[in-house]
Amino acid sequence: MIEKCKNENEEIKEAVEQLTQMSADEYERELYEIRERSRLTYNTEMNEARRKGLEEGEKRGEKREKKKLLKK
């Protein structure tokens, strides 16, 4: 299947070639793994910060609504 995709899509072909080269070189493989872990950590932290921000915003909104209702 990879061979079929590789022949149909130039980007996939380049990615397969890069992966083949990197897997042959231990240093390059380690660099790739470090970059990948960093990327995953960054994405996880950003998603968590976004989730907390939304949660905080909802709580503030609920407090404002309660204040408005109490004033009426």
C-alpha atoms as a PDB file:
ATOM      1  CA  MET A   1       0.000   0.000   0.000  1.00  0.00           C
ATOM      2  CA  ILE A   2       2.841   2.401   0.853  1.00  0.00           C
ATOM      3  CA  GLU A   3       4.431   1.719  -2.504  1.00  0.00           C
ATOM      4  CA  LYS A   4       1.175   2.560  -4.288  1.00  0.00           C
ATOM      5  CA  CYS A   5       0.756   5.814  -2.320  1.00  0.00           C
ATOM      6  CA  LYS A   6       4.427   6.632  -2.752  1.00  0.00           C
ATOM      7  CA  ASN A   7       4.063   6.455  -6.502  1.00  0.00           C
ATOM      8  CA  GLU A   8       0.860   8.525  -6.538  1.00  0.00           C
ATOM      9  CA  ASN A   9       1.868  11.352  -4.210  1.00  0.00           C
ATOM     10  CA  GLU A  10       5.193  13.185  -4.305  1.00  0.00           C
ATOM     11  CA  GLU A  11       4.926  14.350  -0.671  1.00  0.00           C
ATOM     12  CA  ILE A  12       4.414  10.790   0.553  1.00  0.00           C
ATOM     13  CA  LYS A  13       7.319   9.648  -1.571  1.00  0.00           C
ATOM     14  CA  GLU A  14       9.583  12.279   0.009  1.00  0.00           C
ATOM     15  CA  ALA A  15       8.378  11.412   3.524  1.00  0.00           C
ATOM     16  CA  VAL A  16       9.050   7.703   2.980  1.00  0.00           C
ATOM     17  CA  GLU A  17      12.534   8.485   1.682  1.00  0.00           C
ATOM     18  CA  GLN A  18      13.274  10.724   4.680  1.00  0.00           C
ATOM     19  CA  LEU A  19      12.019   8.119   7.125  1.00  0.00           C
ATOM     20  CA  THR A  20      14.131   5.469   5.443  1.00  0.00           C
ATOM     21  CA  GLN A  21      17.233   7.651   5.729  1.00  0.00           C
ATOM     22  CA  MET A  22      16.512   8.654   9.313  1.00  0.00           C
ATOM     23  CA  SER A  23      15.876   5.112  10.473  1.00  0.00           C
ATOM     24  CA  ALA A  24      19.277   4.110   9.132  1.00  0.00           C
ATOM     25  CA  ASP A  25      21.048   6.805  11.196  1.00  0.00           C
ATOM     26  CA  GLU A  26      20.726   6.439  14.979  1.00  0.00           C
ATOM     27  CA  TYR A  27      21.588  10.092  15.653  1.00  0.00           C
ATOM     28  CA  GLU A  28      18.950  11.351  13.196  1.00  0.00           C
ATOM     29  CA  ARG A  29      16.406   8.947  14.675  1.00  0.00           C
ATOM     30  CA  GLU A  30      17.103  10.276  18.177  1.00  0.00           C
ATOM     31  CA  LEU A  31      16.750  13.870  16.965  1.00  0.00           C
ATOM     32  CA  TYR A  32      13.454  12.990  15.321  1.00  0.00           C
ATOM     33  CA  GLU A  33      12.182  11.364  18.514  1.00  0.00           C
ATOM     34  CA  ILE A  34      13.184  14.404  20.584  1.00  0.00           C
ATOM     35  CA  ARG A  35      11.432  16.757  18.148  1.00  0.00           C
ATOM     36  CA  GLU A  36       8.351  14.546  18.087  1.00  0.00           C
ATOM     37  CA  ARG A  37       8.161  14.372  21.897  1.00  0.00           C
ATOM     38  CA  SER A  38       8.569  18.148  22.082  1.00  0.00           C
ATOM     39  CA  ARG A  39       5.810  18.662  19.529  1.00  0.00           C
ATOM     40  CA  LEU A  40       3.462  16.301  21.365  1.00  0.00           C
ATOM     41  CA  THR A  41       4.231  17.913  24.733  1.00  0.00           C
ATOM     42  CA  TYR A  42       3.619  21.381  23.296  1.00  0.00           C
ATOM     43  CA  ASN A  43       0.297  20.336  21.763  1.00  0.00           C
ATOM     44  CA  THR A  44      -0.798  18.666  24.998  1.00  0.00           C
ATOM     45  CA  GLU A  45       0.099  21.722  27.065  1.00  0.00           C
ATOM     46  CA  MET A  46      -1.642  24.089  24.661  1.00  0.00           C
ATOM     47  CA  ASN A  47      -4.805  21.956  24.633  1.00  0.00           C
ATOM     48  CA  GLU A  48      -4.812  21.810  28.426  1.00  0.00           C
ATOM     49  CA  ALA A  49      -4.331  25.592  28.695  1.00  0.00           C
ATOM     50  CA  ARG A  50      -7.146  26.131  26.187  1.00  0.00           C
ATOM     51  CA  ARG A  51      -9.435  23.792  28.136  1.00  0.00           C
ATOM     52  CA  LYS A  52      -8.672  25.564  31.421  1.00  0.00           C
ATOM     53  CA  GLY A  53      -9.222  28.958  29.804  1.00  0.00           C
ATOM     54  CA  LEU A  54     -12.609  27.929  28.469  1.00  0.00           C
ATOM     55  CA  GLU A  55     -13.557  26.478  31.829  1.00  0.00           C
ATOM     56  CA  GLU A  56     -12.553  29.691  33.595  1.00  0.00           C
ATOM     57  CA  GLY A  57     -14.436  31.784  31.049  1.00  0.00           C
ATOM     58  CA  GLU A  58     -17.588  29.730  31.555  1.00  0.00           C
ATOM     59  CA  LYS A  59     -17.368  30.173  35.331  1.00  0.00           C
ATOM     60  CA  ARG A  60     -16.938  33.948  34.968  1.00  0.00           C
ATOM     61  CA  GLY A  61     -19.879  34.071  32.593  1.00  0.00           C
ATOM     62  CA  GLU A  62     -22.046  32.127  35.021  1.00  0.00           C
ATOM     63  CA  LYS A  63     -21.109  34.515  37.860  1.00  0.00           C
ATOM     64  CA  ARG A  64     -22.016  37.534  35.725  1.00  0.00           C
ATOM     65  CA  GLU A  65     -25.358  35.997  34.838  1.00  0.00           C
ATOM     66  CA  LYS A  66     -26.111  35.322  38.497  1.00  0.00           C
ATOM     67  CA  LYS A  67     -25.281  38.949  39.380  1.00  0.00           C
ATOM     68  CA  LYS A  68     -27.577  40.191  36.616  1.00  0.00           C
ATOM     69  CA  LEU A  69     -30.418  37.977  37.816  1.00  0.00           C
ATOM     70  CA  LEU A  70     -29.966  39.092  41.426  1.00  0.00           C
ATOM     71  CA  LYS A  71     -30.112  42.780  40.430  1.00  0.00           C
ATOM     72  CA  LYS A  72     -33.516  42.308  38.785  1.00  0.00           C
END
